[in-house]
Amino acid sequence: MDRIEVTRNGDTDEFSVVLTRGSDMVRCMVTVAAGNIPDEEKLRAALSRAKGLAKALDAAIEDQ
């Protein structure tokens, strides 16, 4: 089972996202466009981007 931890960097629109699967971990910083977007939508966008990055990394590792 995957575990996801998201931490917002202060009052910025940057999120630290850590995806953990077993003993493997992917950590990335995701920036969500600033503006009048509610915090909940920013969080959802950050998670979506981080999951996309994790899937791409996973696919690249499997191809090697």
N, C-alpha and C. Protein backbone atom coordinates (compact mmCIF):
# COMPACT_ATOMS: atom_id res chain seq x y z
N MET A 1 0.84 -1.19 0.00
CA MET A 1 0.00 0.00 0.00
C MET A 1 0.88 1.24 0.00
N ASP A 2 0.51 2.23 -0.79
CA ASP A 2 1.25 3.48 -0.88
C ASP A 2 0.86 4.41 0.26
N ARG A 3 1.84 5.14 0.76
CA ARG A 3 1.58 6.15 1.78
C ARG A 3 1.99 7.49 1.20
N ILE A 4 1.18 8.49 1.38
CA ILE A 4 1.44 9.82 0.84
C ILE A 4 1.46 10.81 1.99
N GLU A 5 2.52 11.61 2.04
CA GLU A 5 2.64 12.67 3.05
C GLU A 5 2.84 14.00 2.32
N VAL A 6 2.00 14.95 2.62
CA VAL A 6 2.08 16.26 1.97
C VAL A 6 2.27 17.33 3.04
N THR A 7 3.26 18.19 2.81
CA THR A 7 3.51 19.29 3.72
C THR A 7 3.59 20.57 2.91
N ARG A 8 2.84 21.56 3.32
CA ARG A 8 2.88 22.86 2.63
C ARG A 8 4.00 23.69 3.22
N ASN A 9 4.77 24.33 2.36
CA ASN A 9 5.91 25.14 2.77
C ASN A 9 5.43 26.53 3.18
N GLY A 10 5.14 26.69 4.44
CA GLY A 10 4.69 27.98 4.97
C GLY A 10 3.44 28.47 4.30
N ASP A 11 3.43 29.70 3.89
CA ASP A 11 2.27 30.28 3.22
C ASP A 11 2.48 30.37 1.71
N THR A 12 3.42 29.62 1.20
CA THR A 12 3.70 29.64 -0.24
C THR A 12 2.80 28.63 -0.95
N ASP A 13 2.97 28.55 -2.24
CA ASP A 13 2.23 27.57 -3.02
C ASP A 13 3.11 26.38 -3.37
N GLU A 14 4.10 26.10 -2.51
CA GLU A 14 4.98 24.95 -2.69
C GLU A 14 4.61 23.85 -1.70
N PHE A 15 4.59 22.63 -2.21
CA PHE A 15 4.26 21.48 -1.38
C PHE A 15 5.38 20.46 -1.47
N SER A 16 5.75 19.89 -0.34
CA SER A 16 6.66 18.76 -0.31
C SER A 16 5.78 17.51 -0.29
N VAL A 17 5.98 16.63 -1.27
CA VAL A 17 5.17 15.42 -1.37
C VAL A 17 6.10 14.22 -1.28
N VAL A 18 5.79 13.30 -0.36
CA VAL A 18 6.57 12.09 -0.20
C VAL A 18 5.64 10.90 -0.44
N LEU A 19 5.98 10.10 -1.45
CA LEU A 19 5.22 8.89 -1.76
C LEU A 19 6.07 7.70 -1.33
N THR A 20 5.53 6.83 -0.50
CA THR A 20 6.27 5.68 0.00
C THR A 20 5.55 4.40 -0.38
N ARG A 21 6.31 3.47 -0.96
CA ARG A 21 5.79 2.14 -1.30
C ARG A 21 6.79 1.13 -0.76
N GLY A 22 6.43 0.47 0.32
CA GLY A 22 7.37 -0.45 0.97
C GLY A 22 8.56 0.33 1.48
N SER A 23 9.77 -0.08 1.04
CA SER A 23 10.98 0.65 1.46
C SER A 23 11.41 1.68 0.43
N ASP A 24 10.66 1.82 -0.67
CA ASP A 24 10.98 2.81 -1.70
C ASP A 24 10.28 4.13 -1.40
N MET A 25 10.98 5.23 -1.66
CA MET A 25 10.40 6.54 -1.39
C MET A 25 10.72 7.49 -2.53
N VAL A 26 9.73 8.28 -2.92
CA VAL A 26 9.91 9.35 -3.89
C VAL A 26 9.52 10.64 -3.19
N ARG A 27 10.43 11.61 -3.22
CA ARG A 27 10.16 12.90 -2.57
C ARG A 27 10.32 13.98 -3.63
N CYS A 28 9.37 14.88 -3.71
CA CYS A 28 9.46 15.96 -4.68
C CYS A 28 8.81 17.21 -4.13
N MET A 29 9.22 18.33 -4.71
CA MET A 29 8.60 19.61 -4.40
C MET A 29 7.71 19.96 -5.58
N VAL A 30 6.50 20.36 -5.29
CA VAL A 30 5.54 20.71 -6.32
C VAL A 30 5.06 22.12 -6.06
N THR A 31 5.08 22.94 -7.10
CA THR A 31 4.58 24.31 -7.00
C THR A 31 3.26 24.41 -7.75
N VAL A 32 2.28 24.97 -7.10
CA VAL A 32 0.96 25.15 -7.71
C VAL A 32 0.81 26.63 -8.03
N ALA A 33 0.28 26.93 -9.20
CA ALA A 33 0.12 28.32 -9.63
C ALA A 33 -0.55 29.15 -8.56
N ALA A 34 0.02 30.31 -8.33
CA ALA A 34 -0.56 31.22 -7.34
C ALA A 34 -1.83 31.85 -7.90
N GLY A 35 -2.59 32.41 -7.03
CA GLY A 35 -3.82 33.06 -7.46
C GLY A 35 -4.91 32.83 -6.44
N ASN A 36 -6.10 33.05 -6.84
CA ASN A 36 -7.25 32.90 -5.94
C ASN A 36 -7.81 31.49 -5.98
N ILE A 37 -6.94 30.52 -5.85
CA ILE A 37 -7.36 29.12 -5.84
C ILE A 37 -7.46 28.68 -4.38
N PRO A 38 -8.57 28.07 -3.99
CA PRO A 38 -8.70 27.60 -2.59
C PRO A 38 -7.59 26.61 -2.23
N ASP A 39 -7.19 26.60 -0.96
CA ASP A 39 -6.13 25.71 -0.50
C ASP A 39 -6.40 24.25 -0.83
N GLU A 40 -7.65 23.82 -0.71
CA GLU A 40 -8.00 22.42 -0.97
C GLU A 40 -7.69 22.05 -2.43
N GLU A 41 -7.98 22.96 -3.35
CA GLU A 41 -7.70 22.71 -4.77
C GLU A 41 -6.19 22.70 -5.03
N LYS A 42 -5.44 23.57 -4.35
CA LYS A 42 -3.99 23.58 -4.49
C LYS A 42 -3.40 22.25 -4.02
N LEU A 43 -3.90 21.75 -2.89
CA LEU A 43 -3.43 20.48 -2.37
C LEU A 43 -3.73 19.35 -3.35
N ARG A 44 -4.93 19.34 -3.90
CA ARG A 44 -5.33 18.31 -4.85
C ARG A 44 -4.45 18.37 -6.10
N ALA A 45 -4.16 19.57 -6.58
CA ALA A 45 -3.30 19.74 -7.76
C ALA A 45 -1.88 19.27 -7.47
N ALA A 46 -1.37 19.57 -6.29
CA ALA A 46 -0.02 19.13 -5.91
C ALA A 46 0.05 17.62 -5.86
N LEU A 47 -0.96 16.98 -5.28
CA LEU A 47 -0.98 15.51 -5.22
C LEU A 47 -1.04 14.90 -6.61
N SER A 48 -1.84 15.47 -7.46
CA SER A 48 -1.98 14.96 -8.82
C SER A 48 -0.64 15.03 -9.56
N ARG A 49 0.04 16.14 -9.45
CA ARG A 49 1.33 16.30 -10.11
C ARG A 49 2.38 15.35 -9.53
N ALA A 50 2.38 15.21 -8.21
CA ALA A 50 3.35 14.32 -7.58
C ALA A 50 3.11 12.87 -7.98
N LYS A 51 1.86 12.46 -8.05
CA LYS A 51 1.54 11.09 -8.47
C LYS A 51 1.99 10.85 -9.91
N GLY A 52 1.80 11.84 -10.77
CA GLY A 52 2.26 11.72 -12.15
C GLY A 52 3.76 11.56 -12.22
N LEU A 53 4.50 12.33 -11.41
CA LEU A 53 5.95 12.21 -11.37
C LEU A 53 6.37 10.85 -10.85
N ALA A 54 5.71 10.37 -9.83
CA ALA A 54 6.04 9.07 -9.26
C ALA A 54 5.79 7.95 -10.26
N LYS A 55 4.70 8.02 -11.00
CA LYS A 55 4.41 7.00 -12.01
C LYS A 55 5.46 7.01 -13.11
N ALA A 56 5.88 8.20 -13.54
CA ALA A 56 6.90 8.31 -14.58
C ALA A 56 8.23 7.73 -14.09
N LEU A 57 8.58 8.02 -12.85
CA LEU A 57 9.81 7.49 -12.28
C LEU A 57 9.74 5.97 -12.17
N ASP A 58 8.62 5.46 -11.72
CA ASP A 58 8.42 4.02 -11.59
C ASP A 58 8.56 3.34 -12.95
N ALA A 59 7.96 3.91 -13.99
CA ALA A 59 8.03 3.35 -15.33
C ALA A 59 9.48 3.37 -15.85
N ALA A 60 10.19 4.46 -15.58
CA ALA A 60 11.58 4.57 -16.03
C ALA A 60 12.46 3.52 -15.36
N ILE A 61 12.21 3.26 -14.08
CA ILE A 61 12.99 2.25 -13.36
C ILE A 61 12.71 0.86 -13.91
N GLU A 62 11.44 0.56 -14.19
CA GLU A 62 11.06 -0.74 -14.73
C GLU A 62 11.62 -0.99 -16.12
N ASP A 63 11.80 0.07 -16.93
CA ASP A 63 12.32 -0.07 -18.28
C ASP A 63 13.80 -0.39 -18.31
N GLN A 64 14.51 -0.14 -17.22
CA GLN A 64 15.96 -0.38 -17.21
C GLN A 64 16.30 -1.79 -16.92
